[in-house]
């Protein structure tokens, strides 16, 4: 029968199968040697092979995240707080780029909106203008939660973002139980402390599989090609292919359609600045 890997504990895989029935499985010897089975993988497994179920086949993956290693995410909910810790637009833009590169639809969630309602709304408008779904939420006054729920589209959704922005609390609210551990904010740094240690999918009453991913402030973009970077900016796409040079990096080249869109206000300056910073990071990496 077919199922999805929820958790891997020392080679024992927890699988959700037909009608949500959970089984504990191992992989066969040859399959184990040839395939690195990940949380999120869809597999075939048999339950009549002695005392424990056995995984017999792993289906091809439609998406893959490197941190943590997890397969087949349908939506990446990118959470950043407007305050404590303060929203870092460049970090969020970078997270969106990595989501685009992985072929996963991003949802931008600006949390703790009760601390700065105007700033949160400004951030949402910034990403909506760039072509993304975005919303504000606050668990303190419970605003925006219904809208966020309406934006969720599974079946597999991973919540990601820096530590301390409220990912675990939002997930617990969606589940209706305190399953994920919420982190506290460091008084010294104003940043959250990472509480997520492993990849695990948890099924909600709405039928979604939810995941909390480790918080981070450094994101690895080394796998992205400089020529492909501009396509990962959704708001740049209408202008790609209209530059004088086919290999235009939209940096200092003449007759650049992207820079013309920037100059005429059709691309936001902050988005272009993020693009330039990421482009420079990639160039620096290539020179090493």
C-alpha atoms as a PDB file:
ATOM      1  CA  UNK A   1       0.000   0.000   0.000  1.00  0.00           C
ATOM      2  CA  UNK A   2       1.007   3.645  -0.473  1.00  0.00           C
ATOM      3  CA  UNK A   3       1.903   6.035   2.320  1.00  0.00           C
ATOM      4  CA  UNK A   4       3.944   9.090   3.257  1.00  0.00           C
ATOM      5  CA  UNK A   5       6.973   9.130   5.578  1.00  0.00           C
ATOM      6  CA  UNK A   6       6.187  11.164   8.698  1.00  0.00           C
ATOM      7  CA  UNK A   7       9.352  10.570  10.709  1.00  0.00           C
ATOM      8  CA  UNK A   8      12.654   8.692  10.669  1.00  0.00           C
ATOM      9  CA  UNK A   9      14.070   7.503  13.970  1.00  0.00           C
ATOM     10  CA  UNK A  10      17.290   5.505  13.587  1.00  0.00           C
ATOM     11  CA  UNK A  11      16.119   3.775  10.437  1.00  0.00           C
ATOM     12  CA  UNK A  12      12.579   3.120  11.651  1.00  0.00           C
ATOM     13  CA  UNK A  13      10.120   5.030   9.495  1.00  0.00           C
ATOM     14  CA  UNK A  14       6.715   6.158  10.698  1.00  0.00           C
ATOM     15  CA  UNK A  15       4.339   6.027   7.718  1.00  0.00           C
ATOM     16  CA  UNK A  16       0.808   7.348   7.303  1.00  0.00           C
ATOM     17  CA  UNK A  17      -1.037   4.948   5.008  1.00  0.00           C
ATOM     18  CA  UNK A  18      -4.613   4.353   3.964  1.00  0.00           C
ATOM     19  CA  UNK A  19      -7.195   6.351   5.944  1.00  0.00           C
ATOM     20  CA  UNK A  20      -4.383   7.844   8.039  1.00  0.00           C
ATOM     21  CA  UNK A  21      -3.409   4.536   9.635  1.00  0.00           C
ATOM     22  CA  UNK A  22       0.138   4.808  11.006  1.00  0.00           C
ATOM     23  CA  UNK A  23       2.692   2.000  10.598  1.00  0.00           C
ATOM     24  CA  UNK A  24       6.299   1.556  11.692  1.00  0.00           C
ATOM     25  CA  UNK A  25       8.493   0.289   8.844  1.00  0.00           C
ATOM     26  CA  UNK A  26      12.029  -0.582   7.846  1.00  0.00           C
ATOM     27  CA  UNK A  27      13.433  -0.452   4.311  1.00  0.00           C
ATOM     28  CA  UNK A  28      14.679  -3.540   2.512  1.00  0.00           C
ATOM     29  CA  UNK A  29      18.431  -4.073   2.268  1.00  0.00           C
ATOM     30  CA  UNK A  30      18.855  -3.267  -1.452  1.00  0.00           C
ATOM     31  CA  UNK A  31      16.450  -0.310  -1.269  1.00  0.00           C
ATOM     32  CA  UNK A  32      18.235   1.012   1.814  1.00  0.00           C
ATOM     33  CA  UNK A  33      21.587   0.911   0.023  1.00  0.00           C
ATOM     34  CA  UNK A  34      20.322   2.594  -3.149  1.00  0.00           C
ATOM     35  CA  UNK A  35      17.877   5.189  -1.779  1.00  0.00           C
ATOM     36  CA  UNK A  36      18.141   7.847   0.902  1.00  0.00           C
ATOM     37  CA  UNK A  37      14.571   7.796   2.204  1.00  0.00           C
ATOM     38  CA  UNK A  38      13.427  11.170   3.519  1.00  0.00           C
ATOM     39  CA  UNK A  39      10.550  12.543   5.539  1.00  0.00           C
ATOM     40  CA  UNK A  40       7.898  13.497   2.985  1.00  0.00           C
ATOM     41  CA  UNK A  41       8.722  10.661   0.593  1.00  0.00           C
ATOM     42  CA  UNK A  42       5.757   8.749  -0.813  1.00  0.00           C
ATOM     43  CA  UNK A  43       6.453   5.025  -0.597  1.00  0.00           C
ATOM     44  CA  UNK A  44       4.959   1.601  -1.141  1.00  0.00           C
ATOM     45  CA  UNK A  45       5.107  -0.656   1.893  1.00  0.00           C
ATOM     46  CA  UNK A  46       3.941  -4.118   2.898  1.00  0.00           C
ATOM     47  CA  UNK A  47       2.594  -5.052   6.308  1.00  0.00           C
ATOM     48  CA  UNK A  48       2.574  -8.829   5.947  1.00  0.00           C
ATOM     49  CA  UNK A  49       6.360  -9.387   6.015  1.00  0.00           C
ATOM     50  CA  UNK A  50       6.846 -10.882   9.446  1.00  0.00           C
ATOM     51  CA  UNK A  51       6.842  -8.842  12.640  1.00  0.00           C
ATOM     52  CA  UNK A  52       7.336  -5.406  11.046  1.00  0.00           C
ATOM     53  CA  UNK A  53       6.228  -3.586   7.890  1.00  0.00           C
ATOM     54  CA  UNK A  54       8.694  -3.160   5.028  1.00  0.00           C
ATOM     55  CA  UNK A  55       9.163  -0.320   2.524  1.00  0.00           C
ATOM     56  CA  UNK A  56       9.394  -1.754  -0.983  1.00  0.00           C
ATOM     57  CA  UNK A  57       9.432   1.304  -3.260  1.00  0.00           C
ATOM     58  CA  UNK A  58      10.065   5.072  -3.115  1.00  0.00           C
ATOM     59  CA  UNK A  59       8.186   7.253  -5.607  1.00  0.00           C
ATOM     60  CA  UNK A  60       9.967  10.060  -7.524  1.00  0.00           C
ATOM     61  CA  UNK A  61      10.082  13.375  -5.644  1.00  0.00           C
ATOM     62  CA  UNK A  62       8.418  16.520  -6.965  1.00  0.00           C
ATOM     63  CA  UNK A  63      10.392  18.824  -4.667  1.00  0.00           C
ATOM     64  CA  UNK A  64      13.288  18.711  -2.231  1.00  0.00           C
ATOM     65  CA  UNK A  65      14.486  20.952   0.599  1.00  0.00           C
ATOM     66  CA  UNK A  66      18.094  20.783   1.808  1.00  0.00           C
ATOM     67  CA  UNK A  67      17.552  22.070   5.362  1.00  0.00           C
ATOM     68  CA  UNK A  68      16.225  19.955   6.791  1.00  0.00           C
ATOM     69  CA  UNK A  69      16.375  17.264   4.065  1.00  0.00           C
ATOM     70  CA  UNK A  70      12.703  16.706   3.280  1.00  0.00           C
ATOM     71  CA  UNK A  71      10.770  15.757   0.144  1.00  0.00           C
ATOM     72  CA  UNK A  72       7.502  16.647  -1.578  1.00  0.00           C
ATOM     73  CA  UNK A  73       6.655  19.912   0.188  1.00  0.00           C
ATOM     74  CA  UNK A  74       3.668  21.531  -1.551  1.00  0.00           C
ATOM     75  CA  UNK A  75       3.798  24.910   0.189  1.00  0.00           C
ATOM     76  CA  UNK A  76       6.471  26.715   2.179  1.00  0.00           C
ATOM     77  CA  UNK A  77       5.024  29.064   4.796  1.00  0.00           C
ATOM     78  CA  UNK A  78       7.776  31.628   5.347  1.00  0.00           C
ATOM     79  CA  UNK A  79       7.313  33.297   8.713  1.00  0.00           C
ATOM     80  CA  UNK A  80       9.056  36.478   9.866  1.00  0.00           C
ATOM     81  CA  UNK A  81       7.978  38.688  12.759  1.00  0.00           C
ATOM     82  CA  UNK A  82       7.609  42.420  12.312  1.00  0.00           C
ATOM     83  CA  UNK A  83       9.279  42.969  15.712  1.00  0.00           C
ATOM     84  CA  UNK A  84      11.363  40.945  18.245  1.00  0.00           C
ATOM     85  CA  UNK A  85      13.129  39.872  16.150  1.00  0.00           C
ATOM     86  CA  UNK A  86      12.629  42.699  13.646  1.00  0.00           C
ATOM     87  CA  UNK A  87      11.727  41.843  10.062  1.00  0.00           C
ATOM     88  CA  UNK A  88      14.764  41.466   7.807  1.00  0.00           C
ATOM     89  CA  UNK A  89      13.515  42.028   4.251  1.00  0.00           C
ATOM     90  CA  UNK A  90      16.706  40.729   2.681  1.00  0.00           C
ATOM     91  CA  UNK A  91      16.530  37.480   4.654  1.00  0.00           C
ATOM     92  CA  UNK A  92      12.885  37.018   3.682  1.00  0.00           C
ATOM     93  CA  UNK A  93      13.654  37.778   0.015  1.00  0.00           C
ATOM     94  CA  UNK A  94      16.405  35.176   0.177  1.00  0.00           C
ATOM     95  CA  UNK A  95      14.007  32.615   1.654  1.00  0.00           C
ATOM     96  CA  UNK A  96      11.547  33.332  -1.169  1.00  0.00           C
ATOM     97  CA  UNK A  97      14.323  32.807  -3.737  1.00  0.00           C
ATOM     98  CA  UNK A  98      15.214  29.428  -2.222  1.00  0.00           C
ATOM     99  CA  UNK A  99      11.549  28.438  -2.233  1.00  0.00           C
ATOM    100  CA  UNK A 100      11.274  29.387  -5.922  1.00  0.00           C
ATOM    101  CA  UNK A 101      14.488  27.482  -6.663  1.00  0.00           C
ATOM    102  CA  UNK A 102      13.047  24.368  -5.008  1.00  0.00           C
ATOM    103  CA  UNK A 103       9.834  24.695  -7.041  1.00  0.00           C
ATOM    104  CA  UNK A 104       7.705  25.177  -3.909  1.00  0.00           C
ATOM    105  CA  UNK A 105       4.969  27.815  -3.673  1.00  0.00           C
ATOM    106  CA  UNK A 106       5.802  30.303  -0.898  1.00  0.00           C
ATOM    107  CA  UNK A 107       3.337  31.925   1.485  1.00  0.00           C
ATOM    108  CA  UNK A 108       4.700  34.945   3.357  1.00  0.00           C
ATOM    109  CA  UNK A 109       3.423  35.320   6.929  1.00  0.00           C
ATOM    110  CA  UNK A 110       4.296  38.452   8.920  1.00  0.00           C
ATOM    111  CA  UNK A 111       3.786  37.530  12.577  1.00  0.00           C
ATOM    112  CA  UNK A 112       3.431  39.590  15.786  1.00  0.00           C
ATOM    113  CA  UNK A 113       1.471  42.244  13.899  1.00  0.00           C
ATOM    114  CA  UNK A 114       0.130  43.563  17.228  1.00  0.00           C
ATOM    115  CA  UNK A 115       3.603  45.051  17.845  1.00  0.00           C
ATOM    116  CA  UNK A 116       3.533  47.194  14.670  1.00  0.00           C
ATOM    117  CA  UNK A 117       0.332  46.952  12.649  1.00  0.00           C
ATOM    118  CA  UNK A 118       1.368  49.578  10.088  1.00  0.00           C
ATOM    119  CA  UNK A 119       4.780  47.997   9.550  1.00  0.00           C
ATOM    120  CA  UNK A 120       3.211  44.555   9.138  1.00  0.00           C
ATOM    121  CA  UNK A 121       0.745  45.817   6.544  1.00  0.00           C
ATOM    122  CA  UNK A 122       3.579  47.569   4.682  1.00  0.00           C
ATOM    123  CA  UNK A 123       5.501  44.267   4.557  1.00  0.00           C
ATOM    124  CA  UNK A 124       2.445  42.402   3.242  1.00  0.00           C
ATOM    125  CA  UNK A 125       1.919  44.994   0.501  1.00  0.00           C
ATOM    126  CA  UNK A 126       5.601  44.708  -0.443  1.00  0.00           C
ATOM    127  CA  UNK A 127       5.269  40.976  -1.132  1.00  0.00           C
ATOM    128  CA  UNK A 128       1.832  41.152  -2.688  1.00  0.00           C
ATOM    129  CA  UNK A 129       3.182  43.752  -5.121  1.00  0.00           C
ATOM    130  CA  UNK A 130       5.980  41.305  -5.948  1.00  0.00           C
ATOM    131  CA  UNK A 131       3.367  38.670  -6.838  1.00  0.00           C
ATOM    132  CA  UNK A 132       3.178  36.545  -3.693  1.00  0.00           C
ATOM    133  CA  UNK A 133       0.460  35.587  -1.251  1.00  0.00           C
ATOM    134  CA  UNK A 134       1.097  37.296   2.071  1.00  0.00           C
ATOM    135  CA  UNK A 135      -0.752  37.975   5.306  1.00  0.00           C
ATOM    136  CA  UNK A 136      -0.244  39.339   8.811  1.00  0.00           C
ATOM    137  CA  UNK A 137      -1.019  37.369  11.965  1.00  0.00           C
ATOM    138  CA  UNK A 138      -0.996  37.892  15.708  1.00  0.00           C
ATOM    139  CA  UNK A 139      -1.649  35.160  18.227  1.00  0.00           C
ATOM    140  CA  UNK A 140      -1.857  37.798  20.957  1.00  0.00           C
ATOM    141  CA  UNK A 141      -5.065  39.328  19.585  1.00  0.00           C
ATOM    142  CA  UNK A 142      -5.774  36.436  17.190  1.00  0.00           C
ATOM    143  CA  UNK A 143      -5.952  38.664  14.133  1.00  0.00           C
ATOM    144  CA  UNK A 144      -5.253  37.313  10.653  1.00  0.00           C
ATOM    145  CA  UNK A 145      -5.439  33.652  11.682  1.00  0.00           C
ATOM    146  CA  UNK A 146      -8.525  32.922   9.565  1.00  0.00           C
ATOM    147  CA  UNK A 147      -6.946  34.573   6.529  1.00  0.00           C
ATOM    148  CA  UNK A 148      -3.754  32.554   7.033  1.00  0.00           C
ATOM    149  CA  UNK A 149      -5.755  29.331   7.228  1.00  0.00           C
ATOM    150  CA  UNK A 150      -7.494  30.248   3.957  1.00  0.00           C
ATOM    151  CA  UNK A 151      -4.109  30.661   2.262  1.00  0.00           C
ATOM    152  CA  UNK A 152      -2.796  27.251   3.326  1.00  0.00           C
ATOM    153  CA  UNK A 153      -2.741  24.683   0.537  1.00  0.00           C
ATOM    154  CA  UNK A 154      -1.366  21.204   1.138  1.00  0.00           C
ATOM    155  CA  UNK A 155      -1.295  18.410   1.472  1.00  0.00           C
ATOM    156  CA  UNK A 156       2.258  18.957   2.823  1.00  0.00           C
ATOM    157  CA  UNK A 157       3.155  22.354   4.302  1.00  0.00           C
ATOM    158  CA  UNK A 158       6.466  23.313   5.924  1.00  0.00           C
ATOM    159  CA  UNK A 159       6.786  26.372   8.163  1.00  0.00           C
ATOM    160  CA  UNK A 160      10.166  28.031   7.952  1.00  0.00           C
ATOM    161  CA  UNK A 161      11.889  31.204   9.098  1.00  0.00           C
ATOM    162  CA  UNK A 162      14.240  32.625  11.730  1.00  0.00           C
ATOM    163  CA  UNK A 163      14.035  31.410  15.318  1.00  0.00           C
ATOM    164  CA  UNK A 164      11.714  33.266  17.647  1.00  0.00           C
ATOM    165  CA  UNK A 165       9.191  34.479  15.056  1.00  0.00           C
ATOM    166  CA  UNK A 166       6.405  32.179  16.272  1.00  0.00           C
ATOM    167  CA  UNK A 167       6.436  29.262  13.813  1.00  0.00           C
ATOM    168  CA  UNK A 168       5.891  26.625  16.497  1.00  0.00           C
ATOM    169  CA  UNK A 169       3.119  28.627  18.162  1.00  0.00           C
ATOM    170  CA  UNK A 170       1.295  29.055  14.847  1.00  0.00           C
ATOM    171  CA  UNK A 171       1.614  25.333  14.142  1.00  0.00           C
ATOM    172  CA  UNK A 172       0.307  24.452  17.607  1.00  0.00           C
ATOM    173  CA  UNK A 173      -2.669  26.718  16.980  1.00  0.00           C
ATOM    174  CA  UNK A 174      -3.356  24.973  13.659  1.00  0.00           C
ATOM    175  CA  UNK A 175      -3.117  21.559  15.339  1.00  0.00           C
ATOM    176  CA  UNK A 176      -5.168  22.571  18.373  1.00  0.00           C
ATOM    177  CA  UNK A 177      -2.576  21.013  20.704  1.00  0.00           C
ATOM    178  CA  UNK A 178       0.847  22.014  22.051  1.00  0.00           C
ATOM    179  CA  UNK A 179       2.840  19.577  19.947  1.00  0.00           C
ATOM    180  CA  UNK A 180       5.765  21.742  18.829  1.00  0.00           C
ATOM    181  CA  UNK A 181       8.061  23.373  21.388  1.00  0.00           C
ATOM    182  CA  UNK A 182       7.989  27.169  21.296  1.00  0.00           C
ATOM    183  CA  UNK A 183      11.295  28.998  21.681  1.00  0.00           C
ATOM    184  CA  UNK A 184      11.968  32.032  23.822  1.00  0.00           C
ATOM    185  CA  UNK A 185      13.674  35.262  22.767  1.00  0.00           C
ATOM    186  CA  UNK A 186      17.213  35.920  23.968  1.00  0.00           C
ATOM    187  CA  UNK A 187      17.443  39.158  25.952  1.00  0.00           C
ATOM    188  CA  UNK A 188      21.037  39.652  24.825  1.00  0.00           C
ATOM    189  CA  UNK A 189      20.545  39.295  21.055  1.00  0.00           C
ATOM    190  CA  UNK A 190      16.812  39.859  20.584  1.00  0.00           C
ATOM    191  CA  UNK A 191      16.760  36.666  18.505  1.00  0.00           C
ATOM    192  CA  UNK A 192      14.944  33.421  19.033  1.00  0.00           C
ATOM    193  CA  UNK A 193      16.521  30.183  20.163  1.00  0.00           C
ATOM    194  CA  UNK A 194      16.181  27.207  17.837  1.00  0.00           C
ATOM    195  CA  UNK A 195      13.958  24.488  19.313  1.00  0.00           C
ATOM    196  CA  UNK A 196      13.367  22.250  16.266  1.00  0.00           C
ATOM    197  CA  UNK A 197      15.817  19.333  16.157  1.00  0.00           C
ATOM    198  CA  UNK A 198      14.484  16.973  13.484  1.00  0.00           C
ATOM    199  CA  UNK A 199      12.144  16.780  10.522  1.00  0.00           C
ATOM    200  CA  UNK A 200       8.672  15.462  11.274  1.00  0.00           C
ATOM    201  CA  UNK A 201       5.282  15.724   9.584  1.00  0.00           C
ATOM    202  CA  UNK A 202       2.227  16.006  11.828  1.00  0.00           C
ATOM    203  CA  UNK A 203      -1.276  15.578  10.446  1.00  0.00           C
ATOM    204  CA  UNK A 204      -3.821  18.258  11.295  1.00  0.00           C
ATOM    205  CA  UNK A 205      -7.568  17.805  11.639  1.00  0.00           C
ATOM    206  CA  UNK A 206      -7.920  19.626   8.291  1.00  0.00           C
ATOM    207  CA  UNK A 207      -5.969  16.804   6.633  1.00  0.00           C
ATOM    208  CA  UNK A 208      -2.754  18.749   6.074  1.00  0.00           C
ATOM    209  CA  UNK A 209       0.660  17.402   6.987  1.00  0.00           C
ATOM    210  CA  UNK A 210       2.523  20.166   8.829  1.00  0.00           C
ATOM    211  CA  UNK A 211       6.228  20.571   9.575  1.00  0.00           C
ATOM    212  CA  UNK A 212       8.308  22.964  11.650  1.00  0.00           C
ATOM    213  CA  UNK A 213      11.796  23.488  10.212  1.00  0.00           C
ATOM    214  CA  UNK A 214      14.851  24.767  12.116  1.00  0.00           C
ATOM    215  CA  UNK A 215      15.218  28.530  12.426  1.00  0.00           C
ATOM    216  CA  UNK A 216      18.183  30.092  10.708  1.00  0.00           C
ATOM    217  CA  UNK A 217      19.754  33.355   9.680  1.00  0.00           C
ATOM    218  CA  UNK A 218      22.246  31.979   7.123  1.00  0.00           C
ATOM    219  CA  UNK A 219      20.896  30.477   3.929  1.00  0.00           C
ATOM    220  CA  UNK A 220      22.916  28.478   1.414  1.00  0.00           C
ATOM    221  CA  UNK A 221      22.410  29.785  -2.127  1.00  0.00           C
ATOM    222  CA  UNK A 222      25.522  28.256  -3.692  1.00  0.00           C
ATOM    223  CA  UNK A 223      23.526  25.880  -5.909  1.00  0.00           C
ATOM    224  CA  UNK A 224      21.815  28.759  -7.760  1.00  0.00           C
ATOM    225  CA  UNK A 225      23.253  29.759 -11.146  1.00  0.00           C
ATOM    226  CA  UNK A 226      23.788  33.493 -11.654  1.00  0.00           C
ATOM    227  CA  UNK A 227      21.984  33.311 -15.001  1.00  0.00           C
ATOM    228  CA  UNK A 228      18.944  31.728 -13.331  1.00  0.00           C
ATOM    229  CA  UNK A 229      18.703  34.092 -10.358  1.00  0.00           C
ATOM    230  CA  UNK A 230      16.529  36.740 -12.034  1.00  0.00           C
ATOM    231  CA  UNK A 231      13.876  34.126 -12.906  1.00  0.00           C
ATOM    232  CA  UNK A 232      13.586  33.326  -9.189  1.00  0.00           C
ATOM    233  CA  UNK A 233      12.313  36.883  -8.656  1.00  0.00           C
ATOM    234  CA  UNK A 234       8.690  36.537  -9.735  1.00  0.00           C
ATOM    235  CA  UNK A 235       8.268  40.295 -10.259  1.00  0.00           C
ATOM    236  CA  UNK A 236      11.203  40.323 -12.729  1.00  0.00           C
ATOM    237  CA  UNK A 237       9.759  37.675 -15.054  1.00  0.00           C
ATOM    238  CA  UNK A 238       7.572  39.930 -17.260  1.00  0.00           C
ATOM    239  CA  UNK A 239      10.748  41.763 -18.360  1.00  0.00           C
ATOM    240  CA  UNK A 240      13.114  38.853 -18.875  1.00  0.00           C
ATOM    241  CA  UNK A 241      14.091  38.256 -22.489  1.00  0.00           C
ATOM    242  CA  UNK A 242      13.639  41.917 -23.407  1.00  0.00           C
ATOM    243  CA  UNK A 243      17.186  43.058 -22.598  1.00  0.00           C
ATOM    244  CA  UNK A 244      19.732  43.875 -25.322  1.00  0.00           C
ATOM    245  CA  UNK A 245      21.941  40.958 -24.267  1.00  0.00           C
ATOM    246  CA  UNK A 246      20.631  37.408 -23.839  1.00  0.00           C
ATOM    247  CA  UNK A 247      23.004  36.808 -20.930  1.00  0.00           C
ATOM    248  CA  UNK A 248      22.125  40.070 -19.150  1.00  0.00           C
ATOM    249  CA  UNK A 249      22.533  39.879 -15.379  1.00  0.00           C
ATOM    250  CA  UNK A 250      20.543  43.122 -14.915  1.00  0.00           C
ATOM    251  CA  UNK A 251      23.472  44.703 -13.134  1.00  0.00           C
ATOM    252  CA  UNK A 252      25.291  47.336 -15.224  1.00  0.00           C
ATOM    253  CA  UNK A 253      24.524  46.194 -18.764  1.00  0.00           C
ATOM    254  CA  UNK A 254      23.045  48.787 -21.176  1.00  0.00           C
ATOM    255  CA  UNK A 255      19.429  48.559 -22.387  1.00  0.00           C
ATOM    256  CA  UNK A 256      18.376  46.280 -19.518  1.00  0.00           C
ATOM    257  CA  UNK A 257      14.610  45.761 -19.375  1.00  0.00           C
ATOM    258  CA  UNK A 258      14.678  44.876 -15.673  1.00  0.00           C
ATOM    259  CA  UNK A 259      16.526  48.058 -14.730  1.00  0.00           C
ATOM    260  CA  UNK A 260      14.178  50.059 -16.940  1.00  0.00           C
ATOM    261  CA  UNK A 261      11.234  48.543 -15.040  1.00  0.00           C
ATOM    262  CA  UNK A 262      12.977  49.543 -11.821  1.00  0.00           C
ATOM    263  CA  UNK A 263      13.488  53.127 -13.020  1.00  0.00           C
ATOM    264  CA  UNK A 264       9.830  53.426 -14.052  1.00  0.00           C
ATOM    265  CA  UNK A 265       8.541  52.075 -10.725  1.00  0.00           C
ATOM    266  CA  UNK A 266       7.291  48.700 -11.944  1.00  0.00           C
ATOM    267  CA  UNK A 267       9.864  46.842  -9.814  1.00  0.00           C
ATOM    268  CA  UNK A 268      10.345  47.853  -6.180  1.00  0.00           C
ATOM    269  CA  UNK A 269      13.782  49.234  -5.334  1.00  0.00           C
ATOM    270  CA  UNK A 270      14.117  47.041  -2.219  1.00  0.00           C
ATOM    271  CA  UNK A 271      13.462  43.914  -4.282  1.00  0.00           C
ATOM    272  CA  UNK A 272      16.094  44.939  -6.822  1.00  0.00           C
ATOM    273  CA  UNK A 273      18.542  45.704  -3.997  1.00  0.00           C
ATOM    274  CA  UNK A 274      17.988  42.180  -2.639  1.00  0.00           C
ATOM    275  CA  UNK A 275      18.607  40.770  -6.112  1.00  0.00           C
ATOM    276  CA  UNK A 276      21.890  42.688  -6.405  1.00  0.00           C
ATOM    277  CA  UNK A 277      23.061  41.492  -2.957  1.00  0.00           C
ATOM    278  CA  UNK A 278      22.296  37.854  -3.766  1.00  0.00           C
ATOM    279  CA  UNK A 279      23.939  38.215  -7.194  1.00  0.00           C
ATOM    280  CA  UNK A 280      27.084  39.586  -5.563  1.00  0.00           C
ATOM    281  CA  UNK A 281      27.090  36.687  -3.068  1.00  0.00           C
ATOM    282  CA  UNK A 282      26.924  34.224  -5.952  1.00  0.00           C
ATOM    283  CA  UNK A 283      29.707  35.992  -7.838  1.00  0.00           C
ATOM    284  CA  UNK A 284      31.889  35.982  -4.718  1.00  0.00           C
ATOM    285  CA  UNK A 285      31.239  32.267  -4.218  1.00  0.00           C
ATOM    286  CA  UNK A 286      32.206  31.532  -7.838  1.00  0.00           C
ATOM    287  CA  UNK A 287      35.492  33.475  -7.445  1.00  0.00           C
ATOM    288  CA  UNK A 288      36.620  31.381  -4.476  1.00  0.00           C
END
